[in-house]
Amino acid sequence: MPLDTRELFARLIQCEAGGEGRDGMMAVATVVMNRATVSVGEFSRINNGGDVRAIITQPGQFVCMRESVGGRYNPQNVYNMRPTQEHYEIVDWAMSGGRLFGIDNSLFFFNPYSDTCPTYFPTNVGVIHNRIGDHCFYIPTSRYPDT
């Protein structure tokens, strides 16, 4: 049975940021919603005017949406997650307009497995804005609308 959007989003939050505490999970949820509502660039063509599911399932965006990575089984995927009430609360908060202060209009995040965040990610369309826990968050540069 396919997962509905709320369930898929809760599993994504748990998978991508479950170890980052509430703020880390809220930050990732904010990025997903920013992508779902941005009106320019790549994500505006994907989001169909606010389709959160289209953003979550966009190929190549979230490692947790892949059952295999590099030809090997990826046990850290949304299908193996069992969200708690906290994950659903964060999804409901985000889908009702909640956004985490300090993430602002960030469209990208990743864990560099380092104490420092690269200045740009990915390439030159996102510039470092903030860090929460192990994740670096990036706002779009002037080049993002051309993606």
N, C-alpha and C. Protein backbone atom coordinates (compact mmCIF):
# COMPACT_ATOMS: atom_id res chain seq x y z
N MET A 1 0.84 -1.18 0.00
CA MET A 1 0.00 0.00 0.00
C MET A 1 0.89 1.24 0.00
N PRO A 2 0.64 2.19 -0.91
CA PRO A 2 1.47 3.39 -0.96
C PRO A 2 1.27 4.26 0.28
N LEU A 3 2.32 4.94 0.65
CA LEU A 3 2.27 5.84 1.81
C LEU A 3 1.62 7.15 1.39
N ASP A 4 0.74 7.70 2.24
CA ASP A 4 0.20 9.02 1.92
C ASP A 4 1.28 10.07 2.18
N THR A 5 1.05 11.28 1.75
CA THR A 5 2.08 12.33 1.82
C THR A 5 2.51 12.61 3.25
N ARG A 6 1.57 12.68 4.18
CA ARG A 6 1.92 12.95 5.58
C ARG A 6 2.84 11.86 6.13
N GLU A 7 2.49 10.60 5.85
CA GLU A 7 3.30 9.48 6.32
C GLU A 7 4.69 9.49 5.69
N LEU A 8 4.75 9.73 4.39
CA LEU A 8 6.03 9.77 3.69
C LEU A 8 6.90 10.90 4.23
N PHE A 9 6.31 12.06 4.47
CA PHE A 9 7.03 13.22 5.00
C PHE A 9 7.55 12.91 6.41
N ALA A 10 6.74 12.31 7.25
CA ALA A 10 7.18 11.96 8.61
C ALA A 10 8.35 10.98 8.57
N ARG A 11 8.27 10.01 7.68
CA ARG A 11 9.36 9.05 7.56
C ARG A 11 10.63 9.72 7.02
N LEU A 12 10.46 10.65 6.09
CA LEU A 12 11.62 11.38 5.57
C LEU A 12 12.30 12.19 6.67
N ILE A 13 11.50 12.88 7.48
CA ILE A 13 12.05 13.69 8.58
C ILE A 13 12.82 12.78 9.55
N GLN A 14 12.23 11.65 9.90
CA GLN A 14 12.91 10.73 10.81
C GLN A 14 14.20 10.22 10.20
N CYS A 15 14.15 9.85 8.93
CA CYS A 15 15.31 9.26 8.26
C CYS A 15 16.43 10.28 8.04
N GLU A 16 16.07 11.45 7.56
CA GLU A 16 17.09 12.47 7.23
C GLU A 16 17.64 13.17 8.46
N ALA A 17 16.83 13.35 9.51
CA ALA A 17 17.27 14.19 10.62
C ALA A 17 16.87 13.66 11.99
N GLY A 18 16.50 12.40 12.09
CA GLY A 18 16.06 11.84 13.36
C GLY A 18 17.06 11.97 14.50
N GLY A 19 18.33 12.01 14.19
CA GLY A 19 19.35 12.14 15.22
C GLY A 19 19.77 13.57 15.49
N GLU A 20 19.08 14.53 14.89
CA GLU A 20 19.46 15.94 15.00
C GLU A 20 18.61 16.73 15.99
N GLY A 21 17.75 16.06 16.73
CA GLY A 21 16.89 16.75 17.68
C GLY A 21 15.74 17.46 16.98
N ARG A 22 14.85 18.02 17.77
CA ARG A 22 13.64 18.65 17.23
C ARG A 22 13.97 19.77 16.25
N ASP A 23 14.91 20.66 16.62
CA ASP A 23 15.26 21.76 15.71
C ASP A 23 15.82 21.25 14.39
N GLY A 24 16.64 20.21 14.43
CA GLY A 24 17.19 19.65 13.20
C GLY A 24 16.11 19.08 12.31
N MET A 25 15.14 18.40 12.92
CA MET A 25 14.04 17.85 12.13
C MET A 25 13.15 18.96 11.58
N MET A 26 12.91 20.00 12.38
CA MET A 26 12.11 21.13 11.92
C MET A 26 12.82 21.87 10.78
N ALA A 27 14.15 21.93 10.86
CA ALA A 27 14.92 22.59 9.80
C ALA A 27 14.79 21.84 8.49
N VAL A 28 14.88 20.53 8.52
CA VAL A 28 14.72 19.73 7.30
C VAL A 28 13.29 19.87 6.76
N ALA A 29 12.31 19.86 7.64
CA ALA A 29 10.92 20.05 7.20
C ALA A 29 10.75 21.43 6.56
N THR A 30 11.43 22.43 7.09
CA THR A 30 11.37 23.78 6.51
C THR A 30 11.93 23.78 5.10
N VAL A 31 13.05 23.11 4.88
CA VAL A 31 13.63 23.04 3.53
C VAL A 31 12.66 22.38 2.57
N VAL A 32 12.05 21.28 2.98
CA VAL A 32 11.09 20.59 2.11
C VAL A 32 9.96 21.55 1.74
N MET A 33 9.43 22.27 2.72
CA MET A 33 8.32 23.19 2.43
C MET A 33 8.79 24.39 1.61
N ASN A 34 10.02 24.85 1.83
CA ASN A 34 10.56 25.93 0.99
C ASN A 34 10.62 25.48 -0.47
N ARG A 35 11.05 24.27 -0.68
CA ARG A 35 11.10 23.74 -2.05
C ARG A 35 9.70 23.62 -2.65
N ALA A 36 8.74 23.27 -1.81
CA ALA A 36 7.37 23.08 -2.30
C ALA A 36 6.68 24.40 -2.64
N THR A 37 7.23 25.51 -2.14
CA THR A 37 6.57 26.79 -2.36
C THR A 37 7.39 27.80 -3.14
N VAL A 38 8.64 27.47 -3.48
CA VAL A 38 9.48 28.41 -4.22
C VAL A 38 8.89 28.62 -5.63
N SER A 39 9.02 29.83 -6.14
CA SER A 39 8.36 30.15 -7.42
C SER A 39 9.34 30.28 -8.59
N VAL A 40 10.60 29.97 -8.38
CA VAL A 40 11.59 30.04 -9.46
C VAL A 40 12.50 28.81 -9.40
N GLY A 41 13.20 28.55 -10.49
CA GLY A 41 14.22 27.51 -10.53
C GLY A 41 13.66 26.10 -10.60
N GLU A 42 14.57 25.16 -10.43
CA GLU A 42 14.26 23.74 -10.56
C GLU A 42 13.08 23.30 -9.71
N PHE A 43 13.06 23.68 -8.44
CA PHE A 43 12.01 23.20 -7.55
C PHE A 43 10.65 23.76 -7.92
N SER A 44 10.60 24.95 -8.50
CA SER A 44 9.29 25.48 -8.93
C SER A 44 8.71 24.65 -10.07
N ARG A 45 9.55 24.06 -10.87
CA ARG A 45 9.06 23.21 -11.96
C ARG A 45 8.62 21.84 -11.42
N ILE A 46 9.18 21.42 -10.30
CA ILE A 46 8.84 20.13 -9.69
C ILE A 46 7.62 20.25 -8.80
N ASN A 47 7.48 21.35 -8.08
CA ASN A 47 6.47 21.43 -7.02
C ASN A 47 5.03 21.60 -7.50
N ASN A 48 4.81 21.86 -8.76
CA ASN A 48 3.44 21.97 -9.28
C ASN A 48 2.56 22.86 -8.41
N GLY A 49 3.13 23.96 -7.93
CA GLY A 49 2.35 24.90 -7.12
C GLY A 49 2.10 24.46 -5.69
N GLY A 50 2.98 23.65 -5.12
CA GLY A 50 2.86 23.29 -3.71
C GLY A 50 2.75 21.81 -3.42
N ASP A 51 3.07 20.96 -4.35
CA ASP A 51 2.98 19.51 -4.17
C ASP A 51 4.18 18.99 -3.38
N VAL A 52 3.97 18.79 -2.09
CA VAL A 52 5.04 18.33 -1.19
C VAL A 52 5.53 16.95 -1.61
N ARG A 53 4.63 16.08 -2.00
CA ARG A 53 5.02 14.72 -2.40
C ARG A 53 5.95 14.76 -3.61
N ALA A 54 5.68 15.63 -4.57
CA ALA A 54 6.54 15.74 -5.75
C ALA A 54 7.95 16.17 -5.34
N ILE A 55 8.06 17.02 -4.35
CA ILE A 55 9.38 17.46 -3.85
C ILE A 55 10.09 16.29 -3.17
N ILE A 56 9.38 15.58 -2.31
CA ILE A 56 9.99 14.46 -1.57
C ILE A 56 10.46 13.36 -2.52
N THR A 57 9.68 13.09 -3.54
CA THR A 57 10.00 11.97 -4.44
C THR A 57 10.82 12.37 -5.65
N GLN A 58 11.23 13.64 -5.74
CA GLN A 58 12.07 14.05 -6.86
C GLN A 58 13.34 13.20 -6.88
N PRO A 59 13.63 12.53 -7.98
CA PRO A 59 14.80 11.66 -8.03
C PRO A 59 16.11 12.39 -7.71
N GLY A 60 16.96 11.71 -6.94
CA GLY A 60 18.29 12.22 -6.65
C GLY A 60 18.38 13.27 -5.55
N GLN A 61 17.30 13.54 -4.83
CA GLN A 61 17.32 14.61 -3.84
C GLN A 61 17.59 14.14 -2.42
N PHE A 62 16.99 13.04 -2.01
CA PHE A 62 17.12 12.57 -0.63
C PHE A 62 17.63 11.13 -0.63
N VAL A 63 18.76 10.91 0.02
CA VAL A 63 19.32 9.56 0.10
C VAL A 63 18.31 8.62 0.76
N CYS A 64 17.54 9.11 1.69
CA CYS A 64 16.57 8.28 2.38
C CYS A 64 15.44 7.78 1.48
N MET A 65 15.29 8.35 0.30
CA MET A 65 14.28 7.88 -0.63
C MET A 65 14.80 6.75 -1.51
N ARG A 66 16.06 6.39 -1.35
CA ARG A 66 16.68 5.35 -2.18
C ARG A 66 16.82 4.05 -1.38
N GLU A 67 16.37 2.97 -1.97
CA GLU A 67 16.55 1.67 -1.32
C GLU A 67 17.93 1.10 -1.58
N SER A 68 18.63 1.64 -2.57
CA SER A 68 20.02 1.25 -2.79
C SER A 68 20.84 2.49 -3.13
N VAL A 69 22.08 2.45 -2.70
CA VAL A 69 23.03 3.54 -2.95
C VAL A 69 24.34 2.88 -3.38
N GLY A 70 24.84 3.31 -4.53
CA GLY A 70 26.09 2.74 -5.03
C GLY A 70 25.99 1.25 -5.30
N GLY A 71 24.80 0.79 -5.67
CA GLY A 71 24.63 -0.62 -5.97
C GLY A 71 24.46 -1.51 -4.75
N ARG A 72 24.39 -0.90 -3.56
CA ARG A 72 24.23 -1.67 -2.33
C ARG A 72 22.94 -1.26 -1.62
N TYR A 73 22.35 -2.21 -0.92
CA TYR A 73 21.12 -1.95 -0.17
C TYR A 73 21.36 -0.83 0.83
N ASN A 74 20.44 0.10 0.91
CA ASN A 74 20.49 1.22 1.85
C ASN A 74 19.46 0.97 2.95
N PRO A 75 19.89 0.46 4.11
CA PRO A 75 18.92 0.20 5.18
C PRO A 75 18.32 1.48 5.76
N GLN A 76 19.00 2.60 5.56
CA GLN A 76 18.52 3.90 6.07
C GLN A 76 17.62 4.52 5.00
N ASN A 77 16.43 3.96 4.83
CA ASN A 77 15.49 4.48 3.84
C ASN A 77 14.12 4.65 4.48
N VAL A 78 13.26 5.44 3.85
CA VAL A 78 11.96 5.77 4.43
C VAL A 78 11.09 4.55 4.68
N TYR A 79 11.29 3.50 3.90
CA TYR A 79 10.45 2.31 4.05
C TYR A 79 10.77 1.52 5.31
N ASN A 80 11.92 1.78 5.91
CA ASN A 80 12.30 1.12 7.16
C ASN A 80 12.06 1.99 8.40
N MET A 81 11.55 3.17 8.21
CA MET A 81 11.32 4.09 9.32
C MET A 81 9.97 3.81 9.99
N ARG A 82 9.89 4.09 11.28
CA ARG A 82 8.66 3.99 12.04
C ARG A 82 8.51 5.28 12.82
N PRO A 83 7.90 6.30 12.20
CA PRO A 83 7.80 7.61 12.84
C PRO A 83 7.04 7.57 14.17
N THR A 84 7.42 8.50 15.03
CA THR A 84 6.73 8.67 16.30
C THR A 84 5.80 9.88 16.20
N GLN A 85 5.07 10.13 17.26
CA GLN A 85 4.17 11.28 17.29
C GLN A 85 4.93 12.58 17.01
N GLU A 86 6.16 12.69 17.49
CA GLU A 86 6.95 13.90 17.26
C GLU A 86 7.16 14.17 15.77
N HIS A 87 7.43 13.15 15.00
CA HIS A 87 7.64 13.33 13.56
C HIS A 87 6.37 13.82 12.88
N TYR A 88 5.23 13.25 13.27
CA TYR A 88 3.96 13.70 12.69
C TYR A 88 3.63 15.13 13.10
N GLU A 89 3.95 15.48 14.34
CA GLU A 89 3.72 16.86 14.80
C GLU A 89 4.54 17.85 13.99
N ILE A 90 5.78 17.50 13.70
CA ILE A 90 6.64 18.39 12.90
C ILE A 90 6.10 18.51 11.49
N VAL A 91 5.65 17.43 10.90
CA VAL A 91 5.07 17.48 9.56
C VAL A 91 3.82 18.35 9.56
N ASP A 92 2.95 18.16 10.54
CA ASP A 92 1.72 18.96 10.61
C ASP A 92 2.05 20.44 10.78
N TRP A 93 3.03 20.74 11.61
CA TRP A 93 3.48 22.11 11.82
C TRP A 93 3.98 22.71 10.50
N ALA A 94 4.82 21.98 9.80
CA ALA A 94 5.40 22.49 8.54
C ALA A 94 4.32 22.66 7.47
N MET A 95 3.44 21.68 7.35
CA MET A 95 2.42 21.75 6.30
C MET A 95 1.35 22.81 6.58
N SER A 96 1.28 23.25 7.85
CA SER A 96 0.33 24.32 8.18
C SER A 96 0.99 25.70 8.16
N GLY A 97 2.22 25.77 7.65
CA GLY A 97 2.89 27.06 7.49
C GLY A 97 4.03 27.33 8.44
N GLY A 98 4.32 26.43 9.37
CA GLY A 98 5.42 26.63 10.30
C GLY A 98 6.77 26.57 9.59
N ARG A 99 7.66 27.47 9.98
CA ARG A 99 9.02 27.49 9.43
C ARG A 99 9.98 27.78 10.59
N LEU A 100 11.11 27.11 10.60
CA LEU A 100 12.09 27.29 11.67
C LEU A 100 12.90 28.55 11.43
N PHE A 101 12.90 29.44 12.43
CA PHE A 101 13.70 30.66 12.36
C PHE A 101 15.16 30.28 12.20
N GLY A 102 15.85 30.99 11.31
CA GLY A 102 17.27 30.72 11.06
C GLY A 102 17.50 29.88 9.82
N ILE A 103 16.47 29.22 9.36
CA ILE A 103 16.58 28.46 8.11
C ILE A 103 16.15 29.35 6.95
N ASP A 104 15.22 30.24 7.23
CA ASP A 104 14.75 31.23 6.27
C ASP A 104 14.37 30.56 4.95
N ASN A 105 14.91 31.00 3.83
CA ASN A 105 14.51 30.43 2.54
C ASN A 105 15.51 29.39 2.02
N SER A 106 16.16 28.68 2.94
CA SER A 106 17.10 27.63 2.54
C SER A 106 16.39 26.58 1.69
N LEU A 107 17.08 26.18 0.62
CA LEU A 107 16.55 25.16 -0.28
C LEU A 107 17.38 23.88 -0.28
N PHE A 108 18.53 23.92 0.39
CA PHE A 108 19.45 22.79 0.36
C PHE A 108 20.00 22.53 1.76
N PHE A 109 20.30 21.28 2.05
CA PHE A 109 20.98 20.92 3.29
C PHE A 109 21.77 19.65 3.03
N PHE A 110 22.80 19.45 3.82
CA PHE A 110 23.50 18.17 3.81
C PHE A 110 24.43 18.09 5.00
N ASN A 111 24.84 16.86 5.31
CA ASN A 111 25.76 16.59 6.40
C ASN A 111 27.14 16.40 5.79
N PRO A 112 28.07 17.33 6.05
CA PRO A 112 29.40 17.21 5.45
C PRO A 112 30.32 16.23 6.19
N TYR A 113 29.85 15.68 7.32
CA TYR A 113 30.69 14.81 8.14
C TYR A 113 32.02 15.50 8.43
N SER A 114 31.91 16.77 8.79
CA SER A 114 33.07 17.63 9.06
C SER A 114 32.62 18.73 10.00
N ASP A 115 33.58 19.38 10.65
CA ASP A 115 33.25 20.50 11.53
C ASP A 115 32.92 21.78 10.76
N THR A 116 33.24 21.80 9.48
CA THR A 116 32.99 23.00 8.68
C THR A 116 32.04 22.68 7.53
N CYS A 117 31.33 23.69 7.12
CA CYS A 117 30.41 23.58 5.99
C CYS A 117 31.08 24.19 4.76
N PRO A 118 31.03 23.53 3.63
CA PRO A 118 31.53 24.16 2.40
C PRO A 118 30.74 25.44 2.13
N THR A 119 31.37 26.40 1.51
CA THR A 119 30.71 27.67 1.22
C THR A 119 29.52 27.48 0.29
N TYR A 120 29.66 26.65 -0.71
CA TYR A 120 28.60 26.45 -1.70
C TYR A 120 28.15 24.99 -1.74
N PHE A 121 26.83 24.80 -1.92
CA PHE A 121 26.27 23.46 -2.09
C PHE A 121 24.89 23.62 -2.71
N PRO A 122 24.46 22.86 -3.66
CA PRO A 122 25.36 22.12 -4.54
C PRO A 122 25.96 23.09 -5.55
N THR A 123 27.12 22.91 -5.91
CA THR A 123 27.88 23.81 -6.81
C THR A 123 27.70 25.25 -6.37
N ASN A 124 27.35 26.14 -7.28
CA ASN A 124 27.29 27.56 -6.94
C ASN A 124 25.85 28.09 -6.85
N VAL A 125 24.86 27.21 -6.69
CA VAL A 125 23.48 27.67 -6.61
C VAL A 125 22.97 27.80 -5.18
N GLY A 126 23.74 27.34 -4.21
CA GLY A 126 23.40 27.50 -2.80
C GLY A 126 24.62 27.96 -2.03
N VAL A 127 24.42 28.92 -1.13
CA VAL A 127 25.52 29.44 -0.31
C VAL A 127 25.16 29.21 1.16
N ILE A 128 26.18 28.89 1.97
CA ILE A 128 25.96 28.55 3.37
C ILE A 128 25.19 29.67 4.08
N HIS A 129 24.22 29.25 4.87
CA HIS A 129 23.38 30.20 5.62
C HIS A 129 23.43 29.91 7.11
N ASN A 130 23.38 28.62 7.47
CA ASN A 130 23.33 28.27 8.88
C ASN A 130 23.70 26.80 9.05
N ARG A 131 23.97 26.44 10.27
CA ARG A 131 24.23 25.04 10.60
C ARG A 131 23.42 24.70 11.84
N ILE A 132 22.77 23.55 11.78
CA ILE A 132 22.05 23.04 12.94
C ILE A 132 22.50 21.60 13.10
N GLY A 133 23.09 21.31 14.24
CA GLY A 133 23.62 19.97 14.47
C GLY A 133 24.67 19.65 13.42
N ASP A 134 24.50 18.52 12.78
CA ASP A 134 25.46 18.09 11.76
C ASP A 134 25.12 18.56 10.36
N HIS A 135 23.97 19.21 10.20
CA HIS A 135 23.53 19.63 8.86
C HIS A 135 23.84 21.09 8.57
N CYS A 136 24.32 21.32 7.37
CA CYS A 136 24.57 22.66 6.85
C CYS A 136 23.38 23.04 5.97
N PHE A 137 22.90 24.28 6.09
CA PHE A 137 21.74 24.76 5.34
C PHE A 137 22.16 25.89 4.42
N TYR A 138 21.64 25.86 3.20
CA TYR A 138 22.08 26.75 2.13
C TYR A 138 20.90 27.51 1.53
N ILE A 139 21.07 28.82 1.37
CA ILE A 139 20.07 29.63 0.68
C ILE A 139 20.47 29.74 -0.79
N PRO A 140 19.50 30.00 -1.66
CA PRO A 140 19.82 30.08 -3.08
C PRO A 140 20.65 31.33 -3.41
N THR A 141 21.57 31.18 -4.34
CA THR A 141 22.33 32.32 -4.84
C THR A 141 21.56 32.91 -6.03
N SER A 142 22.09 33.98 -6.60
CA SER A 142 21.46 34.61 -7.77
C SER A 142 21.46 33.66 -8.97
N ARG A 143 22.23 32.60 -8.91
CA ARG A 143 22.28 31.62 -10.02
C ARG A 143 21.19 30.55 -9.92
N TYR A 144 20.58 30.41 -8.76
CA TYR A 144 19.57 29.36 -8.60
C TYR A 144 18.39 29.49 -9.57
N PRO A 145 17.83 30.68 -9.82
CA PRO A 145 16.69 30.76 -10.74
C PRO A 145 16.96 30.18 -12.13
N ASP A 146 18.22 30.10 -12.51
CA ASP A 146 18.55 29.56 -13.83
C ASP A 146 18.62 28.03 -13.86
N THR A 147 18.38 27.38 -12.72
CA THR A 147 18.46 25.91 -12.67
C THR A 147 17.21 25.28 -13.26
